[in-house]
Amino acid sequence: MKVWIDQDLCTGDGLCEEIAPDIFFGQDDGLFYVKESAAHFGEETRFDGVANPAGADGQARIPESLIEAAIEAAEECPGECIFIEVDG
């Protein structure tokens, strides 16, 4: 599974990072982005709109152990900006 955030819809509340800090992080622009944590994938990959594109072009893999947290973050997001896609 992969996750991405539509920064045009992000309200900057940060609930996603509170729920799943290994997947979501805030930037200086007040918006949130996704990452692939080194703890799960061997190296930190931050999709922050600078080195990698934001939005759907900056998708991050979700480790098995965090799928439920990613779904909860998407459900709780006030901006409804978190999108989860199934590989395949």
PDB file of N, CA and C in Angstrom:
ATOM      1  N   MET A   1       0.842  -1.179   0.000  1.00  0.00           N
ATOM      2  CA  MET A   1       0.000   0.000   0.000  1.00  0.00           C
ATOM      3  C   MET A   1       0.889   1.244   0.000  1.00  0.00           C
ATOM      4  N   LYS A   2       0.352   2.289  -0.576  1.00  0.00           N
ATOM      5  CA  LYS A   2       1.062   3.569  -0.620  1.00  0.00           C
ATOM      6  C   LYS A   2       0.127   4.678  -0.138  1.00  0.00           C
ATOM      7  N   VAL A   3       0.725   5.758   0.336  1.00  0.00           N
ATOM      8  CA  VAL A   3      -0.038   6.892   0.847  1.00  0.00           C
ATOM      9  C   VAL A   3       0.543   8.181   0.269  1.00  0.00           C
ATOM     10  N   TRP A   4      -0.336   9.160   0.099  1.00  0.00           N
ATOM     11  CA  TRP A   4       0.107  10.488  -0.315  1.00  0.00           C
ATOM     12  C   TRP A   4      -0.858  11.521   0.237  1.00  0.00           C
ATOM     13  N   ILE A   5      -0.398  12.767   0.267  1.00  0.00           N
ATOM     14  CA  ILE A   5      -1.205  13.880   0.765  1.00  0.00           C
ATOM     15  C   ILE A   5      -1.378  14.897  -0.348  1.00  0.00           C
ATOM     16  N   ASP A   6      -2.613  15.362  -0.513  1.00  0.00           N
ATOM     17  CA  ASP A   6      -2.888  16.474  -1.435  1.00  0.00           C
ATOM     18  C   ASP A   6      -2.698  17.759  -0.632  1.00  0.00           C
ATOM     19  N   GLN A   7      -1.547  18.405  -0.805  1.00  0.00           N
ATOM     20  CA  GLN A   7      -1.243  19.598  -0.023  1.00  0.00           C
ATOM     21  C   GLN A   7      -2.213  20.749  -0.289  1.00  0.00           C
ATOM     22  N   ASP A   8      -2.917  20.739  -1.411  1.00  0.00           N
ATOM     23  CA  ASP A   8      -3.916  21.776  -1.671  1.00  0.00           C
ATOM     24  C   ASP A   8      -5.098  21.667  -0.716  1.00  0.00           C
ATOM     25  N   LEU A   9      -5.324  20.482  -0.152  1.00  0.00           N
ATOM     26  CA  LEU A   9      -6.425  20.261   0.784  1.00  0.00           C
ATOM     27  C   LEU A   9      -5.969  20.240   2.240  1.00  0.00           C
ATOM     28  N   CYS A  10      -4.667  20.157   2.482  1.00  0.00           N
ATOM     29  CA  CYS A  10      -4.130  20.028   3.837  1.00  0.00           C
ATOM     30  C   CYS A  10      -4.423  21.284   4.646  1.00  0.00           C
ATOM     31  N   THR A  11      -4.977  21.080   5.858  1.00  0.00           N
ATOM     32  CA  THR A  11      -5.299  22.203   6.744  1.00  0.00           C
ATOM     33  C   THR A  11      -4.194  22.461   7.762  1.00  0.00           C
ATOM     34  N   GLY A  12      -3.180  21.606   7.806  1.00  0.00           N
ATOM     35  CA  GLY A  12      -2.052  21.805   8.704  1.00  0.00           C
ATOM     36  C   GLY A  12      -2.323  21.465  10.157  1.00  0.00           C
ATOM     37  N   ASP A  13      -3.373  20.716  10.444  1.00  0.00           N
ATOM     38  CA  ASP A  13      -3.713  20.367  11.825  1.00  0.00           C
ATOM     39  C   ASP A  13      -2.690  19.428  12.465  1.00  0.00           C
ATOM     40  N   GLY A  14      -2.069  18.566  11.704  1.00  0.00           N
ATOM     41  CA  GLY A  14      -1.042  17.681  12.230  1.00  0.00           C
ATOM     42  C   GLY A  14      -1.537  16.421  12.905  1.00  0.00           C
ATOM     43  N   LEU A  15      -2.823  16.131  12.794  1.00  0.00           N
ATOM     44  CA  LEU A  15      -3.330  14.890  13.386  1.00  0.00           C
ATOM     45  C   LEU A  15      -2.655  13.670  12.784  1.00  0.00           C
ATOM     46  N   CYS A  16      -2.348  13.741  11.500  1.00  0.00           N
ATOM     47  CA  CYS A  16      -1.693  12.607  10.837  1.00  0.00           C
ATOM     48  C   CYS A  16      -0.352  12.297  11.485  1.00  0.00           C
ATOM     49  N   GLU A  17       0.432  13.328  11.766  1.00  0.00           N
ATOM     50  CA  GLU A  17       1.736  13.115  12.385  1.00  0.00           C
ATOM     51  C   GLU A  17       1.599  12.594  13.816  1.00  0.00           C
ATOM     52  N   GLU A  18       0.575  13.056  14.536  1.00  0.00           N
ATOM     53  CA  GLU A  18       0.321  12.546  15.884  1.00  0.00           C
ATOM     54  C   GLU A  18      -0.013  11.061  15.851  1.00  0.00           C
ATOM     55  N   ILE A  19      -0.794  10.643  14.867  1.00  0.00           N
ATOM     56  CA  ILE A  19      -1.236   9.252  14.760  1.00  0.00           C
ATOM     57  C   ILE A  19      -0.131   8.354  14.212  1.00  0.00           C
ATOM     58  N   ALA A  20       0.591   8.820  13.203  1.00  0.00           N
ATOM     59  CA  ALA A  20       1.601   7.977  12.539  1.00  0.00           C
ATOM     60  C   ALA A  20       2.847   8.797  12.183  1.00  0.00           C
ATOM     61  N   PRO A  21       3.678   9.120  13.174  1.00  0.00           N
ATOM     62  CA  PRO A  21       4.863   9.943  12.902  1.00  0.00           C
ATOM     63  C   PRO A  21       5.909   9.270  12.024  1.00  0.00           C
ATOM     64  N   ASP A  22       5.843   7.950  11.865  1.00  0.00           N
ATOM     65  CA  ASP A  22       6.770   7.265  10.960  1.00  0.00           C
ATOM     66  C   ASP A  22       6.357   7.404   9.500  1.00  0.00           C
ATOM     67  N   ILE A  23       5.168   7.980   9.260  1.00  0.00           N
ATOM     68  CA  ILE A  23       4.678   8.149   7.889  1.00  0.00           C
ATOM     69  C   ILE A  23       4.527   9.620   7.514  1.00  0.00           C
ATOM     70  N   PHE A  24       4.077  10.449   8.443  1.00  0.00           N
ATOM     71  CA  PHE A  24       3.748  11.847   8.150  1.00  0.00           C
ATOM     72  C   PHE A  24       4.656  12.804   8.905  1.00  0.00           C
ATOM     73  N   PHE A  25       4.965  13.945   8.290  1.00  0.00           N
ATOM     74  CA  PHE A  25       5.762  14.980   8.956  1.00  0.00           C
ATOM     75  C   PHE A  25       5.370  16.348   8.434  1.00  0.00           C
ATOM     76  N   GLY A  26       5.526  17.368   9.288  1.00  0.00           N
ATOM     77  CA  GLY A  26       5.214  18.742   8.910  1.00  0.00           C
ATOM     78  C   GLY A  26       6.440  19.457   8.373  1.00  0.00           C
ATOM     79  N   GLN A  27       6.182  20.418   7.529  1.00  0.00           N
ATOM     80  CA  GLN A  27       7.233  21.249   6.946  1.00  0.00           C
ATOM     81  C   GLN A  27       7.053  22.692   7.407  1.00  0.00           C
ATOM     82  N   ASP A  28       8.041  23.525   7.106  1.00  0.00           N
ATOM     83  CA  ASP A  28       7.983  24.936   7.472  1.00  0.00           C
ATOM     84  C   ASP A  28       6.824  25.668   6.821  1.00  0.00           C
ATOM     85  N   ASP A  29       6.277  25.117   5.729  1.00  0.00           N
ATOM     86  CA  ASP A  29       5.155  25.770   5.053  1.00  0.00           C
ATOM     87  C   ASP A  29       3.827  25.524   5.777  1.00  0.00           C
ATOM     88  N   GLY A  30       3.864  24.763   6.909  1.00  0.00           N
ATOM     89  CA  GLY A  30       2.658  24.493   7.678  1.00  0.00           C
ATOM     90  C   GLY A  30       1.837  23.325   7.167  1.00  0.00           C
ATOM     91  N   LEU A  31       2.328  22.680   6.121  1.00  0.00           N
ATOM     92  CA  LEU A  31       1.614  21.551   5.531  1.00  0.00           C
ATOM     93  C   LEU A  31       2.315  20.248   5.887  1.00  0.00           C
ATOM     94  N   PHE A  32       1.630  19.148   5.636  1.00  0.00           N
ATOM     95  CA  PHE A  32       2.171  17.841   5.973  1.00  0.00           C
ATOM     96  C   PHE A  32       2.446  17.029   4.720  1.00  0.00           C
ATOM     97  N   TYR A  33       3.450  16.159   4.836  1.00  0.00           N
ATOM     98  CA  TYR A  33       3.949  15.359   3.734  1.00  0.00           C
ATOM     99  C   TYR A  33       4.159  13.933   4.231  1.00  0.00           C
ATOM    100  N   VAL A  34       4.480  13.022   3.318  1.00  0.00           N
ATOM    101  CA  VAL A  34       4.711  11.628   3.674  1.00  0.00           C
ATOM    102  C   VAL A  34       6.193  11.287   3.557  1.00  0.00           C
ATOM    103  N   LYS A  35       6.595  10.229   4.263  1.00  0.00           N
ATOM    104  CA  LYS A  35       7.974   9.763   4.199  1.00  0.00           C
ATOM    105  C   LYS A  35       7.998   8.253   4.347  1.00  0.00           C
ATOM    106  N   GLU A  36       9.095   7.665   3.917  1.00  0.00           N
ATOM    107  CA  GLU A  36       9.368   6.257   4.156  1.00  0.00           C
ATOM    108  C   GLU A  36      10.456   6.218   5.215  1.00  0.00           C
ATOM    109  N   SER A  37      10.117   5.793   6.408  1.00  0.00           N
ATOM    110  CA  SER A  37      11.013   5.835   7.545  1.00  0.00           C
ATOM    111  C   SER A  37      12.143   4.811   7.430  1.00  0.00           C
ATOM    112  N   ALA A  38      13.323   5.221   7.832  1.00  0.00           N
ATOM    113  CA  ALA A  38      14.485   4.332   7.819  1.00  0.00           C
ATOM    114  C   ALA A  38      14.254   3.096   8.675  1.00  0.00           C
ATOM    115  N   ALA A  39      13.478   3.227   9.739  1.00  0.00           N
ATOM    116  CA  ALA A  39      13.202   2.092  10.626  1.00  0.00           C
ATOM    117  C   ALA A  39      12.482   0.965   9.888  1.00  0.00           C
ATOM    118  N   HIS A  40      11.784   1.303   8.813  1.00  0.00           N
ATOM    119  CA  HIS A  40      11.002   0.301   8.083  1.00  0.00           C
ATOM    120  C   HIS A  40      11.588  -0.057   6.722  1.00  0.00           C
ATOM    121  N   PHE A  41      12.324   0.865   6.123  1.00  0.00           N
ATOM    122  CA  PHE A  41      12.779   0.643   4.755  1.00  0.00           C
ATOM    123  C   PHE A  41      14.288   0.801   4.563  1.00  0.00           C
ATOM    124  N   GLY A  42      15.043   0.927   5.648  1.00  0.00           N
ATOM    125  CA  GLY A  42      16.495   0.963   5.534  1.00  0.00           C
ATOM    126  C   GLY A  42      17.108   2.338   5.372  1.00  0.00           C
ATOM    127  N   GLU A  43      16.392   3.264   4.796  1.00  0.00           N
ATOM    128  CA  GLU A  43      16.869   4.645   4.709  1.00  0.00           C
ATOM    129  C   GLU A  43      15.675   5.581   4.686  1.00  0.00           C
ATOM    130  N   GLU A  44      15.893   6.772   5.207  1.00  0.00           N
ATOM    131  CA  GLU A  44      14.828   7.765   5.279  1.00  0.00           C
ATOM    132  C   GLU A  44      14.629   8.379   3.899  1.00  0.00           C
ATOM    133  N   THR A  45      13.400   8.354   3.429  1.00  0.00           N
ATOM    134  CA  THR A  45      13.056   9.007   2.170  1.00  0.00           C
ATOM    135  C   THR A  45      11.931   9.978   2.468  1.00  0.00           C
ATOM    136  N   ARG A  46      12.216  11.244   2.340  1.00  0.00           N
ATOM    137  CA  ARG A  46      11.216  12.270   2.621  1.00  0.00           C
ATOM    138  C   ARG A  46      10.695  12.825   1.305  1.00  0.00           C
ATOM    139  N   PHE A  47       9.417  12.732   1.129  1.00  0.00           N
ATOM    140  CA  PHE A  47       8.771  13.305  -0.053  1.00  0.00           C
ATOM    141  C   PHE A  47       8.221  14.658   0.384  1.00  0.00           C
ATOM    142  N   ASP A  48       9.032  15.694   0.232  1.00  0.00           N
ATOM    143  CA  ASP A  48       8.690  16.967   0.843  1.00  0.00           C
ATOM    144  C   ASP A  48       8.418  18.087  -0.152  1.00  0.00           C
ATOM    145  N   GLY A  49       8.184  17.764  -1.390  1.00  0.00           N
ATOM    146  CA  GLY A  49       7.878  18.799  -2.362  1.00  0.00           C
ATOM    147  C   GLY A  49       9.099  19.534  -2.873  1.00  0.00           C
ATOM    148  N   VAL A  50      10.270  19.266  -2.302  1.00  0.00           N
ATOM    149  CA  VAL A  50      11.495  19.903  -2.760  1.00  0.00           C
ATOM    150  C   VAL A  50      12.338  18.884  -3.518  1.00  0.00           C
ATOM    151  N   ALA A  51      12.809  17.859  -2.819  1.00  0.00           N
ATOM    152  CA  ALA A  51      13.609  16.827  -3.469  1.00  0.00           C
ATOM    153  C   ALA A  51      12.735  15.884  -4.286  1.00  0.00           C
ATOM    154  N   ASN A  52      11.527  15.674  -3.842  1.00  0.00           N
ATOM    155  CA  ASN A  52      10.566  14.825  -4.530  1.00  0.00           C
ATOM    156  C   ASN A  52       9.256  15.584  -4.640  1.00  0.00           C
ATOM    157  N   PRO A  53       8.428  15.251  -5.597  1.00  0.00           N
ATOM    158  CA  PRO A  53       7.172  15.977  -5.769  1.00  0.00           C
ATOM    159  C   PRO A  53       6.203  15.770  -4.605  1.00  0.00           C
ATOM    160  N   ALA A  54       5.383  16.750  -4.374  1.00  0.00           N
ATOM    161  CA  ALA A  54       4.294  16.625  -3.406  1.00  0.00           C
ATOM    162  C   ALA A  54       3.125  15.944  -4.104  1.00  0.00           C
ATOM    163  N   GLY A  55       2.060  15.736  -3.379  1.00  0.00           N
ATOM    164  CA  GLY A  55       0.864  15.142  -3.963  1.00  0.00           C
ATOM    165  C   GLY A  55       1.066  13.704  -4.381  1.00  0.00           C
ATOM    166  N   ALA A  56       0.308  13.257  -5.360  1.00  0.00           N
ATOM    167  CA  ALA A  56       0.314  11.863  -5.794  1.00  0.00           C
ATOM    168  C   ALA A  56       1.668  11.426  -6.342  1.00  0.00           C
ATOM    169  N   ASP A  57       2.461  12.359  -6.847  1.00  0.00           N
ATOM    170  CA  ASP A  57       3.782  12.012  -7.363  1.00  0.00           C
ATOM    171  C   ASP A  57       4.776  11.697  -6.245  1.00  0.00           C
ATOM    172  N   GLY A  58       4.442  12.048  -5.011  1.00  0.00           N
ATOM    173  CA  GLY A  58       5.314  11.805  -3.866  1.00  0.00           C
ATOM    174  C   GLY A  58       4.785  10.725  -2.957  1.00  0.00           C
ATOM    175  N   GLN A  59       4.302   9.647  -3.523  1.00  0.00           N
ATOM    176  CA  GLN A  59       3.759   8.560  -2.719  1.00  0.00           C
ATOM    177  C   GLN A  59       4.847   7.892  -1.887  1.00  0.00           C
ATOM    178  N   ALA A  60       4.447   7.393  -0.705  1.00  0.00           N
ATOM    179  CA  ALA A  60       5.354   6.639   0.153  1.00  0.00           C
ATOM    180  C   ALA A  60       4.730   5.287   0.453  1.00  0.00           C
ATOM    181  N   ARG A  61       5.583   4.265   0.543  1.00  0.00           N
ATOM    182  CA  ARG A  61       5.097   2.940   0.922  1.00  0.00           C
ATOM    183  C   ARG A  61       4.703   2.934   2.393  1.00  0.00           C
ATOM    184  N   ILE A  62       3.700   2.139   2.721  1.00  0.00           N
ATOM    185  CA  ILE A  62       3.268   1.980   4.103  1.00  0.00           C
ATOM    186  C   ILE A  62       3.719   0.609   4.579  1.00  0.00           C
ATOM    187  N   PRO A  63       4.501   0.552   5.669  1.00  0.00           N
ATOM    188  CA  PRO A  63       4.880  -0.765   6.179  1.00  0.00           C
ATOM    189  C   PRO A  63       3.657  -1.488   6.740  1.00  0.00           C
ATOM    190  N   GLU A  64       3.662  -2.812   6.655  1.00  0.00           N
ATOM    191  CA  GLU A  64       2.534  -3.621   7.145  1.00  0.00           C
ATOM    192  C   GLU A  64       2.106  -3.209   8.537  1.00  0.00           C
ATOM    193  N   SER A  65       3.080  -2.963   9.402  1.00  0.00           N
ATOM    194  CA  SER A  65       2.784  -2.663  10.805  1.00  0.00           C
ATOM    195  C   SER A  65       2.079  -1.328  11.005  1.00  0.00           C
ATOM    196  N   LEU A  66       2.060  -0.466   9.987  1.00  0.00           N
ATOM    197  CA  LEU A  66       1.455   0.863  10.130  1.00  0.00           C
ATOM    198  C   LEU A  66       0.243   1.090   9.235  1.00  0.00           C
ATOM    199  N   ILE A  67      -0.247   0.037   8.597  1.00  0.00           N
ATOM    200  CA  ILE A  67      -1.408   0.202   7.721  1.00  0.00           C
ATOM    201  C   ILE A  67      -2.616   0.721   8.499  1.00  0.00           C
ATOM    202  N   GLU A  68      -2.901   0.154   9.662  1.00  0.00           N
ATOM    203  CA  GLU A  68      -4.053   0.607  10.449  1.00  0.00           C
ATOM    204  C   GLU A  68      -3.894   2.057  10.884  1.00  0.00           C
ATOM    205  N   ALA A  69      -2.676   2.464  11.267  1.00  0.00           N
ATOM    206  CA  ALA A  69      -2.434   3.849  11.664  1.00  0.00           C
ATOM    207  C   ALA A  69      -2.622   4.798  10.481  1.00  0.00           C
ATOM    208  N   ALA A  70      -2.171   4.396   9.298  1.00  0.00           N
ATOM    209  CA  ALA A  70      -2.341   5.234   8.104  1.00  0.00           C
ATOM    210  C   ALA A  70      -3.819   5.404   7.766  1.00  0.00           C
ATOM    211  N   ILE A  71      -4.586   4.335   7.894  1.00  0.00           N
ATOM    212  CA  ILE A  71      -6.031   4.411   7.635  1.00  0.00           C
ATOM    213  C   ILE A  71      -6.699   5.308   8.668  1.00  0.00           C
ATOM    214  N   GLU A  72      -6.314   5.166   9.928  1.00  0.00           N
ATOM    215  CA  GLU A  72      -6.882   6.029  10.975  1.00  0.00           C
ATOM    216  C   GLU A  72      -6.560   7.493  10.704  1.00  0.00           C
ATOM    217  N   ALA A  73      -5.328   7.783  10.308  1.00  0.00           N
ATOM    218  CA  ALA A  73      -4.935   9.159   9.997  1.00  0.00           C
ATOM    219  C   ALA A  73      -5.786   9.720   8.862  1.00  0.00           C
ATOM    220  N   ALA A  74      -6.015   8.911   7.832  1.00  0.00           N
ATOM    221  CA  ALA A  74      -6.844   9.353   6.704  1.00  0.00           C
ATOM    222  C   ALA A  74      -8.277   9.618   7.151  1.00  0.00           C
ATOM    223  N   GLU A  75      -8.803   8.758   8.010  1.00  0.00           N
ATOM    224  CA  GLU A  75     -10.184   8.920   8.479  1.00  0.00           C
ATOM    225  C   GLU A  75     -10.335  10.129   9.385  1.00  0.00           C
ATOM    226  N   GLU A  76      -9.319  10.447  10.186  1.00  0.00           N
ATOM    227  CA  GLU A  76      -9.383  11.551  11.147  1.00  0.00           C
ATOM    228  C   GLU A  76      -9.009  12.904  10.543  1.00  0.00           C
ATOM    229  N   CYS A  77      -8.413  12.902   9.382  1.00  0.00           N
ATOM    230  CA  CYS A  77      -7.920  14.138   8.768  1.00  0.00           C
ATOM    231  C   CYS A  77      -9.068  15.119   8.491  1.00  0.00           C
ATOM    232  N   PRO A  78      -9.024  16.323   9.082  1.00  0.00           N
ATOM    233  CA  PRO A  78     -10.102  17.296   8.847  1.00  0.00           C
ATOM    234  C   PRO A  78     -10.127  17.827   7.406  1.00  0.00           C
ATOM    235  N   GLY A  79      -8.987  17.796   6.732  1.00  0.00           N
ATOM    236  CA  GLY A  79      -8.935  18.274   5.348  1.00  0.00           C
ATOM    237  C   GLY A  79      -9.247  17.206   4.325  1.00  0.00           C
ATOM    238  N   GLU A  80      -9.415  15.975   4.797  1.00  0.00           N
ATOM    239  CA  GLU A  80      -9.664  14.826   3.907  1.00  0.00           C
ATOM    240  C   GLU A  80      -8.667  14.803   2.749  1.00  0.00           C
ATOM    241  N   CYS A  81      -7.390  14.994   3.096  1.00  0.00           N
ATOM    242  CA  CYS A  81      -6.359  15.131   2.069  1.00  0.00           C
ATOM    243  C   CYS A  81      -5.423  13.941   1.973  1.00  0.00           C
ATOM    244  N   ILE A  82      -5.624  12.912   2.803  1.00  0.00           N
ATOM    245  CA  ILE A  82      -4.748  11.738   2.803  1.00  0.00           C
ATOM    246  C   ILE A  82      -5.376  10.656   1.957  1.00  0.00           C
ATOM    247  N   PHE A  83      -4.597  10.158   1.010  1.00  0.00           N
ATOM    248  CA  PHE A  83      -5.089   9.151   0.082  1.00  0.00           C
ATOM    249  C   PHE A  83      -4.225   7.895   0.184  1.00  0.00           C
ATOM    250  N   ILE A  84      -4.894   6.757   0.285  1.00  0.00           N
ATOM    251  CA  ILE A  84      -4.206   5.467   0.382  1.00  0.00           C
ATOM    252  C   ILE A  84      -4.556   4.652  -0.849  1.00  0.00           C
ATOM    253  N   GLU A  85      -3.527   4.102  -1.482  1.00  0.00           N
ATOM    254  CA  GLU A  85      -3.723   3.299  -2.692  1.00  0.00           C
ATOM    255  C   GLU A  85      -3.161   1.907  -2.474  1.00  0.00           C
ATOM    256  N   VAL A  86      -3.846   0.922  -3.004  1.00  0.00           N
ATOM    257  CA  VAL A  86      -3.390  -0.457  -2.937  1.00  0.00           C
ATOM    258  C   VAL A  86      -2.529  -0.748  -4.144  1.00  0.00           C
ATOM    259  N   ASP A  87      -1.338  -1.310  -3.906  1.00  0.00           N
ATOM    260  CA  ASP A  87      -0.448  -1.686  -5.006  1.00  0.00           C
ATOM    261  C   ASP A  87      -1.101  -2.773  -5.856  1.00  0.00           C
ATOM    262  N   GLY A  88      -0.754  -2.763  -7.104  1.00  0.00           N
ATOM    263  CA  GLY A  88      -1.222  -3.859  -7.952  1.00  0.00           C
ATOM    264  C   GLY A  88      -2.140  -3.419  -8.959  1.00  0.00           C
TER     265      GLY A  88
END
